[in-house]
Protein backbone atom coordinates (compact mmCIF):
# COMPACT_ATOMS: atom_id res chain seq x y z
CA MET A 1 -4.08 7.95 15.96
CA PHE A 2 -1.93 4.84 16.42
CA THR A 3 1.71 3.77 16.11
CA GLY A 4 1.51 0.29 14.59
CA ILE A 5 2.96 -1.23 17.76
CA VAL A 6 0.57 -4.07 18.61
CA SER A 7 -0.23 -4.22 22.35
CA ASP A 8 -2.54 -7.26 22.52
CA ILE A 9 -3.72 -10.20 20.47
CA GLY A 10 -7.51 -10.30 20.65
CA THR A 11 -9.86 -13.20 19.96
CA ILE A 12 -13.06 -12.79 17.96
CA THR A 13 -15.65 -14.45 20.17
CA GLN A 14 -18.91 -13.50 18.42
CA LEU A 15 -19.98 -12.14 15.05
CA GLU A 16 -23.48 -10.92 14.31
CA ALA A 17 -24.81 -9.50 11.04
CA ARG A 18 -27.25 -6.73 11.93
CA GLY A 19 -27.18 -4.31 8.99
CA ASP A 20 -23.59 -3.68 9.94
CA LEU A 21 -21.37 -6.39 11.41
CA ARG A 22 -21.18 -6.50 15.21
CA ALA A 23 -18.02 -8.19 16.53
CA ARG A 24 -17.18 -9.10 20.12
CA ILE A 25 -13.45 -9.20 20.79
CA GLY A 26 -11.86 -10.83 23.81
CA THR A 27 -8.88 -8.90 25.15
CA SER A 28 -6.39 -8.68 28.00
CA PHE A 29 -6.82 -4.88 28.01
CA ASP A 30 -8.29 -3.41 31.20
CA THR A 31 -11.75 -2.75 29.76
CA SER A 32 -12.81 -0.73 32.81
CA ASP A 33 -10.92 2.25 31.38
CA ILE A 34 -12.11 1.85 27.79
CA ASP A 35 -14.76 4.51 27.19
CA LEU A 36 -17.70 3.90 24.90
CA GLY A 37 -16.79 5.63 21.65
CA ALA A 38 -13.07 4.91 22.09
CA SER A 39 -11.07 3.92 19.02
CA ILE A 40 -9.18 0.62 18.92
CA ALA A 41 -7.19 -0.58 15.91
CA CYS A 42 -8.33 -4.12 15.13
CA ASP A 43 -5.97 -5.72 12.58
CA GLY A 44 -5.18 -2.15 11.56
CA CYS A 45 -8.79 -0.92 11.21
CA CYS A 46 -9.79 1.92 13.50
CA LEU A 47 -13.08 0.73 15.03
CA THR A 48 -15.33 2.34 17.63
CA VAL A 49 -16.11 0.58 20.90
CA VAL A 50 -19.89 0.38 21.41
CA THR A 51 -20.09 -1.93 24.46
CA THR A 52 -17.64 -3.40 26.97
CA GLY A 53 -17.58 -6.33 29.38
CA PRO A 54 -15.05 -7.65 31.91
CA ASP A 55 -12.64 -8.99 29.26
CA TRP A 56 -14.19 -8.02 25.95
CA PHE A 57 -15.45 -5.13 23.86
CA ASP A 58 -17.90 -4.87 20.95
CA VAL A 59 -17.42 -2.92 17.73
CA ASP A 60 -19.69 -2.28 14.76
CA VAL A 61 -18.13 -2.72 11.32
CA SER A 62 -19.84 -0.96 8.41
CA ALA A 63 -20.41 -2.63 5.03
CA GLU A 64 -17.97 -0.07 3.56
CA THR A 65 -15.22 -1.20 5.95
CA VAL A 66 -15.91 -4.86 5.21
CA SER A 67 -15.65 -4.16 1.46
CA LYS A 68 -12.26 -2.41 1.76
CA THR A 69 -10.53 -4.69 4.29
CA ASN A 70 -10.04 -8.33 5.22
CA LEU A 71 -12.66 -8.08 7.98
CA GLY A 72 -15.12 -9.98 5.81
CA THR A 73 -12.96 -13.07 6.44
CA TRP A 74 -13.22 -12.79 10.24
CA GLU A 75 -14.52 -15.90 11.99
CA ALA A 76 -15.31 -16.70 15.61
CA GLY A 77 -12.12 -17.95 17.24
CA GLY A 78 -9.92 -15.88 14.94
CA ARG A 79 -7.03 -13.92 16.42
CA ILE A 80 -6.38 -10.26 15.59
CA ASN A 81 -3.80 -7.58 16.39
CA LEU A 82 -5.04 -4.84 18.74
CA GLU A 83 -3.74 -1.39 19.60
CA ARG A 84 -5.41 1.29 21.69
CA ALA A 85 -5.29 4.88 20.47
CA LEU A 86 -2.35 7.08 21.45
CA ARG A 87 -2.62 9.24 24.54
CA VAL A 88 -0.69 12.46 25.11
CA GLY A 89 2.79 11.51 26.30
CA ASP A 90 2.76 7.97 24.85
CA GLU A 91 5.91 6.78 23.12
CA LEU A 92 5.72 6.83 19.30
CA GLY A 93 7.56 3.57 18.72
CA GLY A 94 6.46 2.79 15.16
CA HIS A 95 5.15 5.48 12.81
CA ILE A 96 1.99 7.59 12.59
CA VAL A 97 -0.88 5.25 11.70
CA SER A 98 -4.44 6.47 11.12
CA GLY A 99 -6.23 3.12 11.22
CA HIS A 100 -7.83 3.89 7.84
CA VAL A 101 -7.04 0.85 5.72
CA ASP A 102 -6.22 1.68 2.09
CA GLY A 103 -6.61 -1.80 0.65
CA VAL A 104 -5.74 -5.47 0.96
CA ALA A 105 -2.35 -7.03 0.14
CA GLU A 106 -1.69 -10.74 -0.42
CA VAL A 107 1.16 -12.79 1.04
CA ILE A 108 2.73 -14.38 -2.05
CA ARG A 109 6.03 -15.76 -0.72
CA MET A 110 7.60 -16.72 2.60
CA ALA A 111 11.22 -17.67 3.27
CA PRO A 112 13.36 -17.99 6.41
CA GLU A 113 16.24 -15.52 6.55
CA GLY A 114 18.42 -16.23 9.57
CA ASP A 115 16.11 -16.04 12.58
CA SER A 116 13.79 -13.73 10.68
CA LEU A 117 11.03 -14.52 8.21
CA ARG A 118 11.05 -12.74 4.84
CA LEU A 119 7.55 -12.09 3.49
CA THR A 120 6.71 -10.85 0.01
CA PHE A 121 3.35 -9.18 -0.60
CA ARG A 122 1.44 -8.10 -3.69
CA ALA A 123 -0.20 -4.71 -3.20
CA PRO A 124 -3.12 -3.32 -5.21
CA GLU A 125 -1.71 -1.57 -8.32
CA ASP A 126 -3.11 1.83 -7.31
CA LEU A 127 -1.32 1.70 -3.95
CA ALA A 128 2.02 0.23 -5.03
CA ARG A 129 3.44 3.63 -6.03
CA PHE A 130 3.20 4.79 -2.41
CA ILE A 131 5.41 1.97 -1.10
CA ALA A 132 9.16 2.72 -1.05
CA PRO A 133 12.25 0.79 0.07
CA LYS A 134 13.13 1.63 3.69
CA GLY A 135 9.78 3.36 4.08
CA SER A 136 7.10 2.36 6.56
CA VAL A 137 3.94 0.39 5.89
CA THR A 138 1.20 -0.88 8.19
CA LEU A 139 0.10 -4.50 7.70
CA ASN A 140 -2.68 -5.90 9.89
CA GLY A 141 -2.00 -3.03 12.28
CA THR A 142 1.76 -3.67 12.54
CA SER A 143 4.29 -0.98 11.64
CA LEU A 144 6.90 -2.60 9.39
CA THR A 145 9.85 -1.42 7.33
CA VAL A 146 9.83 -2.15 3.61
CA ASN A 147 13.00 -3.90 2.41
CA GLU A 148 12.52 -3.88 -1.34
CA VAL A 149 9.93 -3.01 -3.96
CA ASP A 150 9.46 -4.58 -7.39
CA GLY A 151 6.43 -3.18 -9.16
CA ALA A 152 3.40 -4.11 -7.05
CA GLU A 153 5.43 -6.55 -4.95
CA PHE A 154 7.26 -5.59 -1.77
CA GLY A 155 9.08 -7.42 1.00
CA VAL A 156 9.44 -7.12 4.76
CA ASN A 157 11.35 -9.06 7.40
CA LEU A 158 9.66 -10.24 10.59
CA ILE A 159 11.97 -10.71 13.55
CA PRO A 160 11.13 -13.45 16.10
CA HIS A 161 9.80 -10.90 18.65
CA THR A 162 7.26 -9.53 16.16
CA ARG A 163 6.03 -13.03 15.36
CA GLU A 164 5.68 -13.83 19.07
CA VAL A 165 3.68 -10.75 20.13
CA THR A 166 1.41 -10.43 17.08
CA THR A 167 -0.64 -12.70 14.85
CA TRP A 168 2.28 -12.83 12.36
CA GLY A 169 3.39 -16.09 13.98
CA ARG A 170 0.49 -17.75 12.11
CA VAL A 171 0.99 -16.18 8.68
CA ALA A 172 0.60 -18.33 5.56
CA GLU A 173 0.96 -17.82 1.82
CA GLY A 174 -2.30 -16.59 0.33
CA ASP A 175 -3.31 -14.65 3.44
CA LEU A 176 -4.99 -11.32 2.74
CA VAL A 177 -3.82 -8.53 5.04
CA ASN A 178 -4.96 -4.99 5.71
CA LEU A 179 -2.62 -2.44 4.16
CA GLU A 180 -2.27 1.18 5.21
CA ILE A 181 0.32 3.18 3.33
CA ASP A 182 2.44 5.77 5.10
CA THR A 183 0.60 9.09 5.26
CA LEU A 184 3.81 10.98 4.51
CA ALA A 185 4.34 8.94 1.32
CA ARG A 186 0.82 9.82 0.19
CA TYR A 187 1.39 13.56 0.64
CA VAL A 188 4.81 13.49 -1.02
CA ALA A 189 3.32 11.70 -4.03
CA ARG A 190 0.51 14.29 -4.24
CA MET A 191 3.03 17.13 -4.18
CA VAL A 192 5.11 15.51 -6.92
CA GLU A 193 2.00 14.95 -9.06
CA ALA A 194 1.00 18.58 -8.59
CA GLY A 195 4.52 19.73 -9.52
CA GLY A 196 5.07 21.30 -6.12
CA ALA A 197 8.49 22.02 -4.71
CA MET A 198 9.69 20.04 -1.72
């Protein structure tokens, strides 16, 4: 379980196709206390640590994960958002994030808005109904608040701090980003579809 509050920007240092995809990720995390089998959200995807070194960890990425996320576009030297799994007593600063990416959204517009940056995304049609104004959404592992929704398009604002401490400082139109919808929104929609009372 995660919060969508990015705690490091990692660097992809090696990629190796070996049935699954093996990725080595450089990090400023203290890897001496990362257990093998630990979960780390990498650009929003919950991945399992299989090896560690002094300033890196390795993860295996299944073909299924590659097909459902933007991880197929990873390249050596690329930068990614990282978050370690919640521990008992940790502050829940964003919202509950599972690290199970639902699909890929595309950045279709960017515009400055004061000191912030307004981004508009196009979500997959089957996921758009779960995205609501003032609701939460996870994009590349970052918990963000939705400003407006228009069909399959939705907008968010990125404040300067978010752009400084995540990979959002390098965003460009056309980028494909990992999208996880809010778990609560999914369950509410299921209840409504089933005609259940709330």
